[in-house]
Amino acid sequence: MTRRTATPLGSASERPLPRVRATQDVGEIQRVLAENRPFAATLYTYLEPRHFSYSRWHLAEGLEEPAFMVQVEGLAGASLCLQGGLQGLEAILAQVTPGRMAYVTYEARHHPLVSQYFLLRGLQPLVRMVVNRDHFSGTPSEAAPLGPAQINEVNGLYRSDSGALLSRRALAEGLYYGLWQGGRLVSIAGTQTLSREHGVAVVANVLTHPHHRGHGYATRCVSALTAALLEQVPDVVLNVDPGNAPAIRVYQRLGYCEATRLMEAWAIWRGRSPWERLLAAFLHWFSR
């Protein structure tokens, strides 16, 4: 893609933009991801051969702080992630047209820019926290590993609150730990991403049954899970709502510390022409 001059939405004057190009060079992508490894933790799974063909990567070149955009098509719909410097991301969004609708993740500092190019709904601010082997301070827990044989109990617990359902494959390929009371699974913590090749894991799917909260069960599950993950990878990350101060304190006691702030939302591409912007506004209104 050649360098050109463009006027991003909300910009008062035209100015040269950095060169943006598509790439499927895994080594090159790895080097850019490493610029902000905690934020990029969930993206390493897309570098695996079975997922890589569904991803499209664009990089902005020649900048002190590299930037990229990755678009991924999956069964749950399209996802989009933006990472890097503001100048590079502005160039990418001015020159590359993403899919019309996607679930977008980006650093919180880029919210004004992303809002210029997308209509957002369901905006969720998050704190990304990270721990490594040197800083983990969890204690032994009676939480036990879970696998495909416990699929009915696991999904029964998730149905009690979040409505999420896991597959046997997810339980087999990831790590999950749970606590039992009276023969019933009452708390669980698992992985969103576990990339042994790239040395990073993402903790997610943490849940305690509504009737068993307030006893520290989730803390014990996360502690046991984190300990098991750190035996396989050097870095473990998780997301937490910035308004959930008790959860943040719990994770801090386990050794997690804040690495970055991010945003997630359903996004509708505003488009570049008046017709596209009208269509985007209709889709945004219709999807409420």
Protein backbone atom coordinates (compact mmCIF):
# COMPACT_ATOMS: atom_id res chain seq x y z
CA MET A 1 0.00 0.00 0.00
CA THR A 2 1.56 3.32 -1.06
CA ARG A 3 1.95 6.34 1.14
CA ARG A 4 -0.57 9.08 0.56
CA THR A 5 -2.10 12.18 2.12
CA ALA A 6 -5.47 11.82 3.81
CA THR A 7 -7.78 13.70 6.10
CA PRO A 8 -8.94 11.50 8.98
CA LEU A 9 -12.34 12.18 10.46
CA GLY A 10 -12.17 15.13 12.79
CA SER A 11 -8.86 16.41 11.32
CA ALA A 12 -8.71 20.03 10.24
CA SER A 13 -5.92 19.74 7.68
CA GLU A 14 -4.31 17.22 5.41
CA ARG A 15 -0.91 15.83 6.30
CA PRO A 16 1.31 12.99 5.07
CA LEU A 17 0.59 9.66 6.67
CA PRO A 18 3.11 6.90 7.42
CA ARG A 19 3.24 4.03 4.99
CA VAL A 20 0.83 1.21 5.84
CA ARG A 21 1.16 -2.28 4.44
CA ALA A 22 -0.37 -5.70 4.91
CA THR A 23 1.81 -8.48 6.28
CA GLN A 24 1.46 -12.17 7.09
CA ASP A 25 5.07 -12.51 8.22
CA VAL A 26 4.82 -14.22 11.60
CA GLY A 27 8.29 -13.15 12.70
CA GLU A 28 7.58 -9.53 11.89
CA ILE A 29 4.25 -9.66 13.71
CA GLN A 30 5.89 -11.21 16.77
CA ARG A 31 8.40 -8.35 16.96
CA VAL A 32 5.61 -5.77 16.92
CA LEU A 33 3.50 -7.65 19.48
CA ALA A 34 6.50 -7.69 21.81
CA GLU A 35 6.38 -3.88 22.01
CA ASN A 36 3.42 -4.24 24.41
CA ARG A 37 3.34 -7.90 25.34
CA PRO A 38 0.72 -7.66 28.16
CA PHE A 39 -1.78 -5.95 25.86
CA ALA A 40 -1.02 -8.34 23.01
CA ALA A 41 -1.37 -11.46 25.16
CA THR A 42 -4.69 -12.52 23.67
CA LEU A 43 -3.36 -12.12 20.13
CA TYR A 44 -0.63 -14.75 20.24
CA THR A 45 -3.19 -17.49 19.70
CA TYR A 46 -3.87 -16.04 16.23
CA LEU A 47 -0.29 -16.83 15.25
CA GLU A 48 -0.93 -20.55 15.61
CA PRO A 49 -1.25 -22.31 12.23
CA ARG A 50 -4.90 -23.32 12.65
CA HIS A 51 -5.94 -19.71 13.39
CA PHE A 52 -3.47 -17.65 11.37
CA SER A 53 -5.26 -18.00 8.03
CA TYR A 54 -8.32 -16.26 9.52
CA SER A 55 -6.35 -13.16 10.51
CA ARG A 56 -5.34 -10.12 8.46
CA TRP A 57 -2.57 -7.85 9.76
CA HIS A 58 -1.67 -4.28 8.76
CA LEU A 59 1.41 -2.42 10.02
CA ALA A 60 2.39 1.25 9.99
CA GLU A 61 6.09 1.58 9.17
CA GLY A 62 8.92 3.95 9.98
CA LEU A 63 7.72 5.11 13.40
CA GLU A 64 9.35 5.19 16.83
CA GLU A 65 6.30 3.39 18.24
CA PRO A 66 5.07 0.71 15.79
CA ALA A 67 1.34 0.22 15.27
CA PHE A 68 -0.81 -2.52 13.81
CA MET A 69 -4.38 -3.60 13.25
CA VAL A 70 -5.46 -7.22 13.12
CA GLN A 71 -8.85 -8.42 11.87
CA VAL A 72 -9.97 -11.96 12.65
CA GLU A 73 -12.99 -13.83 11.33
CA GLY A 74 -14.41 -16.53 13.60
CA LEU A 75 -17.54 -18.50 14.46
CA ALA A 76 -18.56 -15.83 16.98
CA GLY A 77 -18.14 -13.06 14.38
CA ALA A 78 -15.37 -10.68 13.49
CA SER A 79 -12.92 -9.24 16.00
CA LEU A 80 -10.58 -6.31 15.60
CA CYS A 81 -7.58 -5.24 17.66
CA LEU A 82 -5.52 -2.05 17.50
CA GLN A 83 -2.15 -1.62 19.19
CA GLY A 84 0.72 0.83 19.09
CA GLY A 85 1.40 4.50 18.62
CA LEU A 86 -1.29 7.06 17.88
CA GLN A 87 0.32 8.28 14.65
CA GLY A 88 0.55 4.78 13.24
CA LEU A 89 -2.99 3.83 14.19
CA GLU A 90 -4.33 7.02 12.67
CA ALA A 91 -2.54 6.14 9.45
CA ILE A 92 -3.94 2.60 9.45
CA LEU A 93 -7.52 3.70 10.06
CA ALA A 94 -7.23 6.40 7.39
CA GLN A 95 -5.91 4.00 4.76
CA VAL A 96 -7.34 0.54 5.53
CA THR A 97 -11.05 -0.30 5.49
CA PRO A 98 -11.96 -2.91 8.12
CA GLY A 99 -15.10 -5.00 8.19
CA ARG A 100 -18.34 -3.17 8.79
CA MET A 101 -18.99 -4.70 12.23
CA ALA A 102 -16.59 -6.27 14.74
CA TYR A 103 -15.81 -6.63 18.41
CA VAL A 104 -12.94 -4.20 18.94
CA THR A 105 -10.18 -4.09 21.54
CA TYR A 106 -7.82 -1.14 21.90
CA GLU A 107 -5.72 0.71 24.44
CA ALA A 108 -7.74 3.21 26.48
CA ARG A 109 -5.44 6.06 25.44
CA HIS A 110 -6.68 5.61 21.86
CA HIS A 111 -10.39 5.99 22.64
CA PRO A 112 -10.78 9.46 21.02
CA LEU A 113 -9.21 8.20 17.78
CA VAL A 114 -11.22 4.98 17.67
CA SER A 115 -14.44 6.94 18.31
CA GLN A 116 -13.75 9.00 15.22
CA TYR A 117 -13.78 5.93 12.99
CA PHE A 118 -16.31 3.65 14.73
CA LEU A 119 -19.71 3.85 16.35
CA LEU A 120 -19.34 1.98 19.64
CA ARG A 121 -21.81 0.25 21.92
CA GLY A 122 -21.44 -1.84 25.03
CA LEU A 123 -18.18 -0.07 25.84
CA GLN A 124 -16.26 -1.88 28.59
CA PRO A 125 -13.17 -0.32 30.18
CA LEU A 126 -10.75 -2.89 31.59
CA VAL A 127 -7.51 -3.06 33.54
CA ARG A 128 -5.02 -5.56 32.13
CA MET A 129 -2.97 -7.06 34.98
CA VAL A 130 0.10 -9.28 34.67
CA VAL A 131 2.13 -11.59 36.90
CA ASN A 132 5.29 -13.61 36.34
CA ARG A 133 7.08 -16.33 38.26
CA ASP A 134 9.17 -13.87 40.28
CA HIS A 135 6.18 -11.90 41.59
CA PHE A 136 3.49 -14.56 42.05
CA SER A 137 2.51 -14.77 45.72
CA GLY A 138 -0.40 -17.19 45.70
CA THR A 139 -0.75 -19.92 48.31
CA PRO A 140 -1.62 -23.60 47.85
CA SER A 141 -5.31 -24.17 47.27
CA GLU A 142 -7.70 -27.11 47.32
CA ALA A 143 -8.98 -26.07 43.90
CA ALA A 144 -8.74 -29.04 41.54
CA PRO A 145 -8.06 -29.25 37.80
CA LEU A 146 -11.08 -29.71 35.54
CA GLY A 147 -11.26 -31.47 32.19
CA PRO A 148 -13.68 -32.75 29.56
CA ALA A 149 -15.07 -35.34 31.99
CA GLN A 150 -16.55 -32.46 34.06
CA ILE A 151 -18.17 -30.69 31.09
CA ASN A 152 -21.71 -30.99 32.48
CA GLU A 153 -20.75 -29.60 35.89
CA VAL A 154 -18.73 -26.77 34.33
CA ASN A 155 -21.51 -25.65 32.00
CA GLY A 156 -24.07 -26.05 34.75
CA LEU A 157 -22.11 -23.56 36.84
CA TYR A 158 -21.75 -21.07 33.98
CA ARG A 159 -25.48 -21.30 33.23
CA SER A 160 -26.18 -20.23 36.82
CA ASP A 161 -24.93 -16.74 36.08
CA SER A 162 -23.16 -15.86 32.82
CA GLY A 163 -24.90 -18.21 30.39
CA ALA A 164 -21.56 -19.05 28.78
CA LEU A 165 -20.98 -22.58 27.55
CA LEU A 166 -17.68 -24.35 27.00
CA SER A 167 -16.82 -27.19 24.66
CA ARG A 168 -14.96 -30.35 25.62
CA ARG A 169 -12.17 -29.15 23.37
CA ALA A 170 -11.83 -25.90 25.34
CA LEU A 171 -11.50 -27.84 28.58
CA ALA A 172 -8.97 -30.21 27.01
CA GLU A 173 -6.75 -27.56 25.44
CA GLY A 174 -6.89 -24.92 28.18
CA LEU A 175 -6.46 -25.12 31.94
CA TYR A 176 -9.40 -24.88 34.32
CA TYR A 177 -9.51 -25.16 38.11
CA GLY A 178 -12.57 -25.43 40.30
CA LEU A 179 -13.76 -25.78 43.89
CA TRP A 180 -16.37 -28.31 44.99
CA GLN A 181 -18.76 -28.12 47.92
CA GLY A 182 -20.97 -31.08 48.80
CA GLY A 183 -20.20 -32.74 45.49
CA ARG A 184 -21.20 -29.61 43.54
CA LEU A 185 -18.89 -27.38 41.51
CA VAL A 186 -19.31 -23.90 43.01
CA SER A 187 -16.39 -21.86 41.63
CA ILE A 188 -14.16 -21.94 38.54
CA ALA A 189 -11.33 -20.09 36.80
CA GLY A 190 -9.98 -20.91 33.36
CA THR A 191 -8.00 -19.68 30.39
CA GLN A 192 -9.00 -17.55 27.45
CA THR A 193 -5.63 -18.06 25.81
CA LEU A 194 -2.78 -20.45 26.55
CA SER A 195 0.14 -20.11 24.16
CA ARG A 196 2.98 -22.30 25.32
CA GLU A 197 4.94 -21.49 22.17
CA HIS A 198 4.88 -17.77 22.91
CA GLY A 199 5.04 -18.09 26.69
CA VAL A 200 1.84 -16.32 27.71
CA ALA A 201 -1.58 -17.18 29.11
CA VAL A 202 -4.75 -15.19 29.74
CA VAL A 203 -6.96 -16.02 32.74
CA ALA A 204 -10.71 -15.67 32.11
CA ASN A 205 -14.08 -17.31 32.78
CA VAL A 206 -13.80 -16.72 36.55
CA LEU A 207 -17.13 -17.40 38.24
CA THR A 208 -18.56 -18.41 41.62
CA HIS A 209 -22.15 -19.62 42.01
CA PRO A 210 -24.34 -16.78 43.33
CA HIS A 211 -25.19 -18.81 46.47
CA HIS A 212 -21.53 -19.36 47.35
CA ARG A 213 -19.99 -15.93 46.97
CA GLY A 214 -18.12 -14.07 49.67
CA HIS A 215 -15.97 -17.01 50.79
CA GLY A 216 -12.86 -16.39 48.68
CA TYR A 217 -13.51 -19.34 46.38
CA ALA A 218 -12.71 -17.42 43.18
CA THR A 219 -9.44 -16.22 44.71
CA ARG A 220 -8.41 -19.80 45.45
CA CYS A 221 -9.32 -20.92 41.94
CA VAL A 222 -7.37 -18.08 40.31
CA SER A 223 -4.41 -18.77 42.61
CA ALA A 224 -4.32 -22.47 41.74
CA LEU A 225 -4.78 -21.76 38.04
CA THR A 226 -2.08 -19.09 37.97
CA ALA A 227 0.38 -21.38 39.76
CA ALA A 228 -0.29 -24.14 37.21
CA LEU A 229 0.04 -21.75 34.27
CA LEU A 230 3.33 -20.31 35.51
CA GLU A 231 4.76 -23.82 35.42
CA GLN A 232 4.17 -23.76 31.65
CA VAL A 233 4.59 -20.09 30.61
CA PRO A 234 6.51 -17.13 32.12
CA ASP A 235 3.71 -14.55 31.91
CA VAL A 236 0.04 -14.68 32.90
CA VAL A 237 -2.44 -11.83 32.41
CA LEU A 238 -6.08 -11.16 33.22
CA ASN A 239 -8.66 -8.41 32.79
CA VAL A 240 -10.65 -6.77 35.57
CA ASP A 241 -13.24 -3.99 35.66
CA PRO A 242 -11.51 -0.84 36.97
CA GLY A 243 -14.55 -0.24 39.22
CA ASN A 244 -14.14 -3.62 40.91
CA ALA A 245 -11.72 -2.53 43.63
CA PRO A 246 -12.11 -5.72 45.76
CA ALA A 247 -11.14 -7.93 42.79
CA ILE A 248 -8.17 -5.70 41.97
CA ARG A 249 -6.94 -5.97 45.57
CA VAL A 250 -7.30 -9.75 45.47
CA TYR A 251 -5.27 -10.01 42.27
CA GLN A 252 -2.65 -7.66 43.69
CA ARG A 253 -2.27 -9.94 46.71
CA LEU A 254 -1.55 -12.77 44.28
CA GLY A 255 1.21 -10.69 42.72
CA TYR A 256 -0.62 -9.27 39.71
CA CYS A 257 0.09 -5.63 38.84
CA GLU A 258 -1.51 -3.24 36.38
CA ALA A 259 0.14 -3.31 32.95
CA THR A 260 -2.20 -1.22 30.80
CA ARG A 261 -5.76 0.04 30.40
CA LEU A 262 -7.89 -1.09 27.50
CA MET A 263 -11.37 -0.81 26.03
CA GLU A 264 -13.63 -3.39 24.43
CA ALA A 265 -16.85 -2.70 22.52
CA TRP A 266 -19.01 -3.71 19.61
CA ALA A 267 -17.97 -1.43 16.77
CA ILE A 268 -19.57 -0.32 13.53
CA TRP A 269 -17.25 1.19 10.92
CA ARG A 270 -18.41 4.74 10.16
CA GLY A 271 -17.19 4.58 6.57
CA ARG A 272 -15.70 7.27 4.39
CA SER A 273 -18.61 8.43 2.22
CA PRO A 274 -21.90 10.08 3.30
CA TRP A 275 -23.76 6.94 2.20
CA GLU A 276 -21.54 4.70 4.34
CA ARG A 277 -21.95 6.95 7.34
CA LEU A 278 -25.71 6.92 6.93
CA LEU A 279 -25.68 3.12 6.75
CA ALA A 280 -23.46 2.96 9.85
CA ALA A 281 -25.85 5.19 11.77
CA PHE A 282 -28.78 2.95 10.77
CA LEU A 283 -26.92 -0.22 11.81
CA HIS A 284 -25.97 1.35 15.11
CA TRP A 285 -29.57 2.34 15.80
CA PHE A 286 -30.96 -1.03 14.64
CA SER A 287 -28.51 -3.04 16.79
CA ARG A 288 -29.49 -1.39 20.06
